[in-house]
Protein backbone atom coordinates (compact mmCIF):
# COMPACT_ATOMS: atom_id res chain seq x y z
CA MET A 1 -0.11 -47.93 15.50
CA ARG A 2 1.99 -45.07 14.15
CA ARG A 3 5.15 -46.42 15.81
CA HIS A 4 4.74 -49.77 14.05
CA PHE A 5 4.02 -48.00 10.75
CA VAL A 6 7.22 -45.97 10.97
CA LYS A 7 9.28 -49.05 11.78
CA ALA A 8 7.70 -50.90 8.88
CA VAL A 9 8.90 -48.22 6.47
CA PRO A 10 12.65 -47.74 7.11
CA SER A 11 12.88 -44.68 4.89
CA LEU A 12 10.56 -42.80 7.28
CA HIS A 13 12.42 -43.78 10.45
CA HIS A 14 13.65 -40.69 12.28
CA GLU A 15 17.23 -41.97 12.50
CA HIS A 16 17.39 -43.03 8.86
CA ASP A 17 19.52 -40.90 6.52
CA SER A 18 16.62 -40.40 4.13
CA TYR A 19 14.23 -39.12 6.82
CA LYS A 20 15.26 -35.48 6.41
CA TRP A 21 14.61 -35.71 2.65
CA TRP A 22 11.11 -37.06 3.27
CA VAL A 23 10.48 -34.11 5.59
CA LEU A 24 11.85 -31.70 2.99
CA SER A 25 9.55 -33.17 0.31
CA ASN A 26 6.54 -32.91 2.60
CA ILE A 27 7.24 -29.27 3.43
CA MET A 28 7.94 -28.38 -0.19
CA ILE A 29 4.36 -29.37 -1.14
CA SER A 30 2.74 -27.11 1.46
CA THR A 31 5.23 -24.32 0.72
CA PHE A 32 4.18 -24.57 -2.91
CA MET A 33 0.54 -24.15 -1.88
CA VAL A 34 1.17 -21.15 0.40
CA VAL A 35 3.36 -19.24 -2.04
CA LEU A 36 0.99 -20.18 -4.86
CA ASP A 37 -1.76 -18.14 -3.23
CA ALA A 38 0.47 -15.08 -3.12
CA THR A 39 0.97 -15.31 -6.91
CA ILE A 40 -2.13 -17.02 -8.31
CA VAL A 41 -4.25 -13.93 -7.59
CA ASN A 42 -2.14 -11.56 -9.70
CA THR A 43 -3.30 -12.72 -13.13
CA ALA A 44 -6.88 -13.16 -11.92
CA LEU A 45 -7.00 -9.70 -10.34
CA PRO A 46 -8.45 -7.90 -13.40
CA LYS A 47 -11.22 -10.55 -13.51
CA ILE A 48 -11.96 -10.03 -9.82
CA MET A 49 -12.00 -6.26 -10.35
CA ALA A 50 -14.52 -6.66 -13.17
CA SER A 51 -16.62 -9.13 -11.17
CA PHE A 52 -16.98 -6.82 -8.18
CA GLY A 53 -16.74 -3.53 -10.10
CA ILE A 54 -13.82 -2.21 -8.06
CA SER A 55 -10.79 -0.05 -8.90
CA VAL A 56 -7.11 -0.96 -8.55
CA ASP A 57 -6.73 0.89 -5.23
CA ILE A 58 -9.36 -1.41 -3.68
CA ALA A 59 -8.23 -4.54 -5.54
CA GLN A 60 -4.67 -4.24 -4.27
CA TRP A 61 -5.99 -4.95 -0.77
CA ILE A 62 -6.76 -8.50 -1.92
CA LEU A 63 -2.99 -8.90 -2.20
CA THR A 64 -1.96 -6.66 0.69
CA ALA A 65 -4.40 -8.17 3.21
CA TYR A 66 -2.89 -11.61 2.65
CA MET A 67 0.70 -10.43 2.98
CA LEU A 68 -0.08 -8.25 6.01
CA ALA A 69 -1.82 -11.05 7.93
CA PHE A 70 0.99 -13.36 6.85
CA ALA A 71 3.58 -10.99 8.29
CA VAL A 72 1.73 -10.43 11.58
CA MET A 73 1.33 -14.16 12.25
CA LEU A 74 4.87 -15.17 11.28
CA PRO A 75 6.52 -14.44 14.66
CA CYS A 76 3.66 -16.14 16.55
CA SER A 77 4.35 -19.45 14.84
CA GLY A 78 7.52 -20.03 16.86
CA TRP A 79 5.69 -19.69 20.20
CA PHE A 80 2.86 -22.02 19.16
CA ALA A 81 5.42 -24.55 17.90
CA ASP A 82 7.31 -24.44 21.21
CA ARG A 83 4.07 -24.67 23.20
CA PHE A 84 2.17 -27.35 21.26
CA GLY A 85 4.89 -28.97 19.15
CA TYR A 86 6.16 -28.21 15.66
CA LYS A 87 4.21 -30.99 14.01
CA ARG A 88 0.90 -29.99 15.61
CA ALA A 89 1.43 -26.30 14.87
CA TYR A 90 2.30 -27.06 11.27
CA ALA A 91 -0.79 -29.25 10.87
CA ALA A 92 -2.96 -26.53 12.45
CA GLY A 93 -1.61 -24.01 9.92
CA LEU A 94 -2.66 -26.34 7.09
CA VAL A 95 -6.20 -26.59 8.49
CA ILE A 96 -6.56 -22.81 8.91
CA PHE A 97 -5.18 -22.12 5.45
CA SER A 98 -7.44 -24.68 3.77
CA LEU A 99 -10.64 -23.54 5.53
CA PHE A 100 -10.12 -19.87 4.68
CA SER A 101 -9.21 -20.83 1.11
CA LEU A 102 -12.70 -22.34 0.90
CA GLY A 103 -14.06 -19.10 2.34
CA CYS A 104 -12.25 -17.07 -0.35
CA GLY A 105 -13.79 -19.29 -3.00
CA ILE A 106 -17.35 -18.55 -1.85
CA SER A 107 -16.84 -14.81 -1.24
CA TRP A 108 -19.77 -12.68 -2.42
CA ASN A 109 -18.14 -9.22 -2.52
CA GLU A 110 -14.75 -7.56 -2.20
CA ASN A 111 -15.08 -7.05 1.57
CA SER A 112 -15.78 -10.72 2.29
CA LEU A 113 -12.89 -11.72 0.02
CA ILE A 114 -10.47 -9.39 1.81
CA VAL A 115 -11.57 -10.77 5.22
CA MET A 116 -11.09 -14.35 4.04
CA ARG A 117 -7.70 -13.45 2.60
CA ILE A 118 -6.71 -12.22 6.06
CA GLY A 119 -7.58 -15.63 7.51
CA GLN A 120 -5.73 -17.34 4.69
CA GLY A 121 -2.66 -15.22 5.41
CA MET A 122 -2.82 -16.21 9.08
CA GLY A 123 -2.61 -19.88 8.13
CA GLY A 124 0.20 -19.19 5.70
CA GLY A 125 2.02 -17.25 8.40
CA PHE A 126 2.25 -20.46 10.42
CA LEU A 127 3.41 -22.67 7.58
CA GLN A 128 6.21 -20.65 5.99
CA PRO A 129 8.52 -20.08 9.00
CA LEU A 130 7.80 -23.45 10.63
CA GLY A 131 8.59 -25.23 7.39
CA MET A 132 11.88 -23.36 7.12
CA ALA A 133 12.70 -23.99 10.80
CA ILE A 134 11.95 -27.72 10.52
CA ILE A 135 14.21 -28.06 7.48
CA LEU A 136 17.05 -26.13 9.12
CA ARG A 137 16.70 -28.27 12.25
CA GLU A 138 16.80 -31.59 10.39
CA PHE A 139 19.74 -30.75 8.10
CA PRO A 140 23.30 -30.27 9.39
CA PRO A 141 24.91 -26.83 8.83
CA GLU A 142 27.11 -28.06 5.97
CA LYS A 143 24.06 -29.17 3.95
CA ARG A 144 21.67 -26.34 4.70
CA GLY A 145 22.54 -24.33 1.60
CA LEU A 146 21.66 -27.33 -0.57
CA ALA A 147 18.46 -27.98 1.42
CA MET A 148 17.37 -24.34 1.12
CA GLY A 149 18.10 -24.52 -2.59
CA PHE A 150 15.77 -27.49 -2.98
CA TRP A 151 13.17 -25.82 -0.74
CA SER A 152 13.27 -22.81 -3.02
CA ILE A 153 12.13 -25.09 -5.87
CA ALA A 154 8.68 -25.19 -4.25
CA ALA A 155 8.49 -21.41 -4.14
CA ALA A 156 9.86 -21.22 -7.66
CA ALA A 157 7.28 -23.65 -8.98
CA SER A 158 4.47 -21.66 -7.41
CA VAL A 159 5.86 -18.42 -8.84
CA SER A 160 5.71 -20.06 -12.28
CA LEU A 161 2.53 -22.08 -12.06
CA GLY A 162 0.55 -19.64 -9.89
CA PRO A 163 0.02 -16.98 -12.58
CA VAL A 164 -0.53 -19.64 -15.27
CA LEU A 165 -3.01 -21.59 -13.17
CA GLY A 166 -4.75 -18.40 -12.07
CA GLY A 167 -5.03 -17.24 -15.68
CA TYR A 168 -6.29 -20.61 -16.94
CA LEU A 169 -8.94 -21.00 -14.24
CA SER A 170 -10.20 -17.42 -14.47
CA ASP A 171 -10.29 -17.48 -18.29
CA ASN A 172 -11.92 -20.90 -18.72
CA PHE A 173 -13.93 -21.34 -15.51
CA ASN A 174 -14.13 -18.61 -12.86
CA TRP A 175 -11.78 -16.92 -10.43
CA HIS A 176 -13.35 -18.68 -7.39
CA LEU A 177 -11.51 -21.88 -8.31
CA ILE A 178 -8.11 -20.28 -7.71
CA PHE A 179 -8.90 -20.50 -4.00
CA THR A 180 -10.99 -23.66 -3.64
CA ILE A 181 -8.30 -25.69 -5.41
CA ASN A 182 -6.26 -25.38 -2.20
CA VAL A 183 -8.72 -27.48 -0.20
CA PRO A 184 -7.81 -30.96 -1.57
CA VAL A 185 -4.10 -30.03 -1.67
CA GLY A 186 -4.27 -28.89 1.95
CA ALA A 187 -5.95 -32.15 2.99
CA LEU A 188 -3.20 -34.15 1.26
CA CYS A 189 -0.48 -32.10 2.99
CA PHE A 190 -2.17 -32.60 6.37
CA VAL A 191 -2.16 -36.40 6.00
CA ALA A 192 1.47 -36.41 4.80
CA THR A 193 2.55 -34.19 7.72
CA TRP A 194 0.88 -36.43 10.28
CA ILE A 195 2.45 -39.59 8.85
CA ILE A 196 5.97 -38.37 8.03
CA GLN A 197 7.06 -35.76 10.55
CA ARG A 198 8.24 -36.50 14.06
CA GLU A 199 7.17 -34.22 16.88
CA TYR A 200 9.59 -31.74 18.35
CA ARG A 201 8.64 -29.64 21.36
CA ARG A 202 10.55 -27.58 23.86
CA GLN A 203 10.47 -28.76 27.46
CA LYS A 204 9.82 -25.27 28.81
CA THR A 205 7.27 -22.94 27.22
CA LYS A 206 7.65 -19.20 27.48
CA PRO A 207 4.56 -17.05 28.19
CA PHE A 208 2.95 -15.49 25.12
CA ASP A 209 3.86 -11.85 24.54
CA PHE A 210 0.38 -10.36 24.02
CA LEU A 211 1.57 -6.75 24.23
CA GLY A 212 4.25 -7.39 21.63
CA PHE A 213 1.76 -9.09 19.31
CA PHE A 214 -0.89 -6.37 19.47
CA SER A 215 1.61 -3.50 19.21
CA MET A 216 3.26 -5.11 16.17
CA ALA A 217 -0.13 -5.69 14.53
CA MET A 218 -1.08 -2.08 15.28
CA PHE A 219 2.16 -0.74 13.80
CA LEU A 220 2.03 -2.76 10.60
CA SER A 221 -1.71 -2.50 9.98
CA PHE A 222 -2.06 1.26 10.30
CA LEU A 223 1.14 1.94 8.36
CA ILE A 224 0.05 -0.25 5.42
CA ILE A 225 -3.46 1.28 5.52
CA ALA A 226 -1.93 4.75 5.29
CA LEU A 227 0.43 3.84 2.45
CA ALA A 228 -2.32 2.12 0.48
CA SER A 229 -4.91 4.87 0.99
CA GLY A 230 -2.95 7.96 -0.01
CA ASN A 231 -4.34 8.09 -3.55
CA SER A 232 -7.65 6.31 -2.97
CA GLU A 233 -10.70 7.88 -4.53
CA TRP A 234 -12.47 8.18 -1.19
CA ASN A 235 -9.49 9.92 0.44
CA THR A 236 -10.19 13.44 -0.84
CA GLY A 237 -7.71 15.00 1.58
CA GLY A 238 -4.70 13.32 -0.02
CA TRP A 239 -1.55 12.51 1.92
CA THR A 240 -2.25 15.13 4.60
CA SER A 241 -5.83 14.08 5.32
CA ASN A 242 -6.93 13.72 8.93
CA PHE A 243 -7.47 9.99 8.42
CA LEU A 244 -3.92 9.39 7.21
CA MET A 245 -2.44 11.53 9.98
CA LEU A 246 -4.36 9.42 12.50
CA CYS A 247 -3.06 6.22 10.88
CA TYR A 248 0.52 7.47 11.01
CA ALA A 249 0.14 8.46 14.68
CA LEU A 250 -1.33 5.09 15.68
CA SER A 251 1.36 3.28 13.71
CA ALA A 252 4.10 5.27 15.43
CA ILE A 253 2.61 4.50 18.85
CA GLY A 254 2.47 0.82 17.97
CA LEU A 255 6.10 0.85 16.83
CA VAL A 256 7.35 2.57 20.00
CA VAL A 257 5.42 0.20 22.27
CA PHE A 258 6.63 -2.79 20.24
CA LEU A 259 10.31 -1.81 20.41
CA ILE A 260 10.20 -0.99 24.13
CA THR A 261 8.37 -4.22 24.91
CA GLU A 262 10.53 -6.56 22.82
CA LEU A 263 13.81 -5.11 24.08
CA ASN A 264 12.90 -5.14 27.77
CA ILE A 265 11.07 -8.40 28.47
CA ASP A 266 12.59 -11.82 29.03
CA ASN A 267 10.41 -13.67 26.51
CA PRO A 268 9.71 -11.40 23.54
CA LEU A 269 7.42 -12.42 20.69
CA VAL A 270 10.06 -11.27 18.21
CA ASN A 271 13.61 -11.67 19.47
CA LEU A 272 14.98 -8.43 18.05
CA ARG A 273 18.30 -9.20 19.71
CA LEU A 274 18.90 -11.76 16.94
CA LEU A 275 19.33 -8.81 14.62
CA GLY A 276 22.44 -8.04 16.63
CA HIS A 277 24.12 -10.98 14.89
CA TYR A 278 26.10 -9.26 12.18
CA ASN A 279 25.19 -11.44 9.19
CA PHE A 280 21.62 -11.98 10.32
CA GLY A 281 20.94 -8.26 10.69
CA LEU A 282 22.46 -7.32 7.33
CA SER A 283 20.74 -10.20 5.53
CA ASN A 284 17.35 -9.15 6.86
CA LEU A 285 17.93 -5.59 5.70
CA VAL A 286 18.56 -6.99 2.21
CA MET A 287 15.47 -9.23 2.49
CA PHE A 288 13.29 -6.23 3.34
CA ILE A 289 14.51 -4.18 0.38
CA PHE A 290 14.14 -7.15 -1.95
CA GLY A 291 10.60 -7.66 -0.73
CA ILE A 292 9.70 -4.18 -1.94
CA GLY A 293 10.94 -4.77 -5.46
CA MET A 294 10.06 -8.44 -5.86
CA PHE A 295 6.44 -8.42 -4.65
CA GLY A 296 5.79 -5.02 -6.16
CA SER A 297 7.01 -6.13 -9.58
CA VAL A 298 4.79 -9.24 -9.49
CA PHE A 299 1.87 -6.89 -8.85
CA LEU A 300 2.78 -4.62 -11.78
CA ILE A 301 3.50 -7.09 -14.60
CA PRO A 302 -0.04 -8.53 -14.97
CA LEU A 303 -1.52 -5.01 -14.90
CA TYR A 304 0.79 -3.95 -17.71
CA LEU A 305 0.19 -7.04 -19.81
CA GLN A 306 -3.60 -7.11 -19.47
CA ASN A 307 -4.41 -3.39 -19.34
CA ILE A 308 -1.94 -2.16 -21.95
CA MET A 309 -0.89 -5.09 -24.13
CA GLY A 310 -4.31 -6.75 -24.19
CA TYR A 311 -3.11 -10.13 -22.92
CA THR A 312 -5.60 -12.56 -21.43
CA ALA A 313 -5.10 -13.75 -17.86
CA LEU A 314 -3.65 -17.04 -19.12
CA GLN A 315 -1.28 -15.30 -21.54
CA SER A 316 0.04 -13.01 -18.81
CA GLY A 317 0.52 -16.06 -16.59
CA MET A 318 2.56 -17.74 -19.32
CA VAL A 319 4.90 -14.73 -19.34
CA LEU A 320 5.69 -15.36 -15.66
CA LEU A 321 6.07 -19.13 -16.13
CA PRO A 322 9.82 -19.15 -17.01
CA VAL A 323 10.71 -17.23 -13.83
CA GLY A 324 9.94 -20.11 -11.50
CA ILE A 325 11.30 -22.80 -13.82
CA ILE A 326 14.64 -21.04 -14.08
CA GLN A 327 14.63 -20.33 -10.33
CA ALA A 328 13.97 -24.01 -9.62
CA VAL A 329 17.00 -25.00 -11.69
CA CYS A 330 19.31 -22.31 -10.29
CA GLY A 331 18.21 -22.59 -6.62
CA PRO A 332 20.12 -25.80 -5.76
CA ILE A 333 23.08 -24.59 -7.82
CA GLY A 334 23.24 -21.35 -5.84
CA GLY A 335 22.86 -23.24 -2.56
CA TYR A 336 25.62 -25.68 -3.52
CA PHE A 337 28.07 -22.90 -4.36
CA SER A 338 27.21 -21.00 -1.17
CA ASP A 339 28.27 -24.14 0.77
CA LYS A 340 31.47 -24.64 -1.25
CA VAL A 341 32.74 -21.14 -2.10
CA ASN A 342 32.29 -17.58 -0.91
CA PRO A 343 28.49 -17.03 -0.83
CA LYS A 344 28.95 -13.35 -1.66
CA ILE A 345 29.60 -14.33 -5.27
CA PRO A 346 26.14 -15.80 -6.07
CA ILE A 347 24.42 -13.16 -3.89
CA ILE A 348 26.05 -10.18 -5.62
CA LEU A 349 25.54 -11.75 -9.04
CA GLY A 350 21.86 -12.21 -8.16
CA ILE A 351 21.53 -8.57 -7.11
CA ILE A 352 23.12 -7.36 -10.36
CA LEU A 353 20.81 -9.54 -12.47
CA PHE A 354 17.78 -8.41 -10.47
CA SER A 355 18.68 -4.75 -11.01
CA ILE A 356 19.25 -5.26 -14.73
CA SER A 357 15.87 -7.00 -15.07
CA PHE A 358 14.09 -4.09 -13.40
CA TYR A 359 15.98 -1.58 -15.56
CA LEU A 360 14.93 -3.42 -18.72
CA ASN A 361 11.33 -3.15 -17.51
CA THR A 362 11.68 0.63 -17.47
CA GLN A 363 11.87 0.47 -21.27
CA LEU A 364 8.44 -1.15 -21.73
CA THR A 365 6.03 0.66 -24.05
CA ILE A 366 2.59 0.05 -25.52
CA TYR A 367 4.36 -1.45 -28.55
CA SER A 368 6.88 -3.72 -26.77
CA GLU A 369 7.70 -6.98 -28.55
CA HIS A 370 7.37 -10.33 -26.79
CA ALA A 371 11.15 -10.78 -26.60
CA GLN A 372 11.52 -7.42 -24.84
CA ILE A 373 8.94 -8.50 -22.26
CA MET A 374 10.49 -11.94 -21.69
CA MET A 375 14.18 -11.06 -21.31
CA PRO A 376 13.74 -9.43 -17.85
CA MET A 377 11.73 -12.50 -16.76
CA TYR A 378 14.62 -14.84 -17.66
CA LEU A 379 17.12 -12.70 -15.76
CA ARG A 380 14.83 -12.50 -12.74
CA GLY A 381 14.50 -16.28 -12.60
CA VAL A 382 18.28 -16.75 -12.52
CA ALA A 383 18.65 -13.99 -9.92
CA MET A 384 16.02 -15.40 -7.57
CA GLY A 385 17.47 -18.90 -7.83
CA ILE A 386 21.07 -18.09 -6.98
CA LEU A 387 20.35 -15.32 -4.50
CA PHE A 388 17.74 -16.45 -1.98
CA SER A 389 19.12 -19.91 -1.18
CA SER A 390 22.60 -18.43 -0.62
CA LEU A 391 21.36 -15.48 1.42
CA SER A 392 19.13 -17.67 3.63
CA ALA A 393 22.02 -20.01 4.43
CA VAL A 394 24.41 -17.15 5.26
CA SER A 395 21.88 -15.33 7.43
CA VAL A 396 21.45 -18.22 9.93
CA ALA A 397 25.07 -19.39 10.01
CA GLU A 398 25.65 -17.92 13.48
CA ILE A 399 22.18 -18.58 14.93
CA ARG A 400 21.83 -21.23 17.63
CA ARG A 401 19.71 -24.25 16.78
CA SER A 402 17.32 -23.44 19.64
CA ASP A 403 16.68 -19.99 18.11
CA MET A 404 16.07 -21.29 14.60
CA ALA A 405 12.27 -20.95 14.73
CA GLN A 406 12.54 -17.35 15.91
CA ALA A 407 15.18 -16.61 13.28
CA SER A 408 13.24 -18.13 10.39
CA GLY A 409 10.08 -16.37 11.55
CA LEU A 410 11.90 -13.04 11.69
CA ILE A 411 13.36 -13.56 8.19
CA ASN A 412 9.93 -14.21 6.75
CA VAL A 413 8.32 -11.35 8.70
CA ILE A 414 10.77 -8.85 7.33
CA ARG A 415 10.48 -10.15 3.76
CA GLN A 416 6.67 -10.15 3.89
CA VAL A 417 6.56 -6.69 5.44
CA GLY A 418 8.82 -5.54 2.62
CA GLY A 419 6.39 -7.15 0.19
CA SER A 420 3.40 -5.40 1.77
CA PHE A 421 5.29 -2.12 1.59
CA GLY A 422 6.24 -2.86 -1.99
CA VAL A 423 2.69 -3.41 -3.22
CA ALA A 424 1.39 -0.38 -1.30
CA ILE A 425 4.25 1.94 -2.28
CA LEU A 426 4.39 0.93 -5.96
CA GLN A 427 0.60 1.14 -6.31
CA THR A 428 0.69 4.63 -4.78
CA LEU A 429 3.68 5.66 -6.90
CA LEU A 430 1.97 4.30 -10.02
CA THR A 431 -1.12 6.42 -9.40
CA GLN A 432 0.96 9.52 -8.72
CA ARG A 433 3.13 9.10 -11.82
CA ILE A 434 0.12 8.48 -14.07
CA ILE A 435 -1.41 11.73 -12.78
CA PHE A 436 1.90 13.55 -13.31
CA HIS A 437 2.41 12.29 -16.86
CA THR A 438 -1.22 12.94 -17.76
CA ALA A 439 -1.00 16.52 -16.52
CA SER A 440 2.35 17.32 -18.15
CA SER A 441 1.61 15.56 -21.47
CA GLY A 442 -1.95 16.85 -21.65
CA ALA A 443 -0.74 20.40 -21.24
CA ALA A 444 1.82 19.85 -24.02
CA ILE A 445 -0.78 18.74 -26.57
CA ASN A 446 -1.74 21.58 -28.88
CA ARG A 447 -5.15 20.66 -30.19
CA THR A 448 -5.04 23.53 -32.72
CA SER A 449 -1.81 22.37 -34.36
CA PRO A 450 -1.81 20.91 -37.90
CA LEU A 451 -0.09 17.75 -36.60
CA PHE A 452 -2.91 17.07 -34.13
CA ALA A 453 -5.51 17.63 -36.83
CA GLN A 454 -3.61 15.29 -39.17
CA SER A 455 -3.50 12.59 -36.46
CA LEU A 456 -7.25 12.79 -35.94
CA GLN A 457 -7.78 12.67 -39.71
CA LEU A 458 -5.75 9.45 -39.92
CA LEU A 459 -7.77 7.95 -37.08
CA ARG A 460 -11.02 8.88 -38.84
CA PHE A 461 -9.73 7.23 -42.00
CA HIS A 462 -8.91 4.12 -39.96
CA ALA A 463 -12.42 4.08 -38.42
CA ILE A 464 -14.13 4.34 -41.81
CA HIS A 465 -11.98 2.00 -43.94
CA ASP A 466 -10.67 -0.54 -41.40
CA ILE A 467 -13.42 -0.70 -38.80
CA GLY A 468 -16.28 0.02 -41.21
CA SER A 469 -17.82 2.86 -39.22
CA PRO A 470 -20.14 5.34 -40.95
CA ALA A 471 -18.72 8.78 -41.58
CA GLN A 472 -21.08 10.36 -39.04
CA THR A 473 -19.57 8.41 -36.11
CA ALA A 474 -15.97 8.24 -37.37
CA ALA A 475 -15.11 11.65 -35.89
CA ALA A 476 -16.29 10.64 -32.41
CA GLN A 477 -14.46 7.32 -32.70
CA SER A 478 -11.24 9.04 -33.70
CA ASN A 479 -11.35 11.11 -30.52
CA MET A 480 -12.05 7.99 -28.45
CA LEU A 481 -9.14 6.14 -30.06
CA PHE A 482 -6.82 9.05 -29.37
CA SER A 483 -7.95 9.24 -25.72
CA SER A 484 -7.52 5.47 -25.29
CA HIS A 485 -4.02 5.56 -26.77
CA PHE A 486 -3.11 8.55 -24.60
CA THR A 487 -4.35 6.83 -21.42
CA GLN A 488 -2.42 3.64 -22.20
CA GLN A 489 0.75 5.61 -22.83
CA MET A 490 0.45 7.44 -19.50
CA PHE A 491 -0.10 4.10 -17.75
CA ALA A 492 3.00 2.65 -19.43
CA TRP A 493 5.11 5.62 -18.34
CA GLY A 494 3.85 5.20 -14.77
CA ILE A 495 4.83 1.50 -14.89
CA ASN A 496 8.31 2.52 -16.14
CA ASP A 497 8.77 4.87 -13.20
CA ASP A 498 7.76 2.15 -10.75
CA PHE A 499 10.33 -0.26 -12.16
CA LEU A 500 13.02 2.42 -11.99
CA PHE A 501 12.26 2.79 -8.28
CA ALA A 502 12.50 -1.01 -7.84
CA CYS A 503 15.79 -1.04 -9.77
CA ILE A 504 17.37 1.59 -7.52
CA CYS A 505 16.17 -0.14 -4.33
CA THR A 506 17.61 -3.46 -5.49
CA ALA A 507 20.96 -2.06 -6.60
CA VAL A 508 21.46 -0.46 -3.17
CA CYS A 509 21.53 -3.98 -1.64
CA ILE A 510 25.04 -4.56 -3.00
CA PHE A 511 26.55 -2.36 -0.27
CA PRO A 512 25.40 -4.37 2.80
CA ILE A 513 26.33 -7.62 1.02
CA LEU A 514 29.90 -6.41 0.48
CA ILE A 515 30.45 -6.15 4.25
CA LEU A 516 28.98 -9.55 5.14
CA LYS A 517 31.29 -11.89 7.06
CA THR A 518 31.38 -15.15 5.15
CA HIS A 519 34.07 -17.15 6.95
CA LYS A 520 32.86 -20.65 7.78
CA GLN A 521 31.95 -21.48 11.36
CA ARG A 522 30.19 -24.24 13.09
CA GLN A 523 26.77 -23.31 14.34
CA THR A 524 26.14 -23.13 18.07
CA GLN A 525 23.87 -25.95 19.14
């Protein structure tokens, strides 16, 4: 039946020139859905926090759990694809992702939501690398930069529409819909995958590396738990508490076992030897560092806009909308130039624009104008568009076609691990810097000075004449207004420090890019 259907539609025939574009379109839809769920939560996070009555150190696990599970499952996707076929593995990822999206939508507390997000991340961890591997397999080396540029449109669209859609649904309906909306989209993608894609499966299947899988999961999980728990309210012992020391020890054991296992067995889960390819190793180092700044900044912006500037979820989503639109336009352009000229040019330009955008974010205050907020977003959209398509194409230029699934899985693992680190590190740094600024600024305030008394007097005047409060309560309100303003200012300074950290991390990436080898070569088949 399916054979006759494919022959009846020439454009879907595997040997037809347009077949690879049909495959690319199919994968772009599911990529949009997967990346959407990494961004749609950001603008809805304050609503979820209010719904469950949780603080930011707990809420960040709703983001981190997804990215961590995503990262752990990424390298497994290549083995399942080789064992059961790329088409079947891709379809299975769609089913898992859709079912756990439904589970997220019916979550009854923060713990159930975090568990469902883990399952959702597992499904996403199948889809992202397999989609990339399928595209790279179907397109010839000389067109891969262009293909990756178009593929990046899907991620760009989700970066733009995710925050907007999350804000609209949480403002006008409820936050549960941001997850259940994936179910019909996932069903559509499943049908399209089954009709369009041809099956590809290796003749010989390698045994699954259980020790490598569990040691990697152990390393990543305990390290992220430690990084995310340093400033938690329940962790009274701080960064030297017994619990954190145990997490660090277990993480170190997992890392040692993982490295020894992967470097000494014939069929490793993660082929670390691929990092020995010069361009591939350097590109992945850059991807990791970018993951810290990129994912961390997406976590910070909605918090700043909603907690300090008073934006609604939808308004904060609209601020992020231009990023993906600009990235979608610049992605194919960057991919085209990486195929035609020295790819270092768009990559370095992207790094510079990224760094400038983060530096501009260090100037945000509680009185920032809309133009000051938007300019870094415009620059970030251009940077993401011209950088990632070029860097992805360069990184796999020397990788054999048979290793493409492993390579794409490793690229995505490293970027997602960087993202998990970024959210955990920047959340921890934010808490620390708020405490630092509160302590130093609080000590500098002289409550007996005439200036302080004058400020309170002006606030009392404002409470009586502008708010309409009676004189008896105006004094208490003036103190509350001062405390609220002070808290917002400390939060803004903490956000500034986080973006400075992201700026420095990003700028450092220029050095490994400068020593990339960008001479053209044919890929080994």
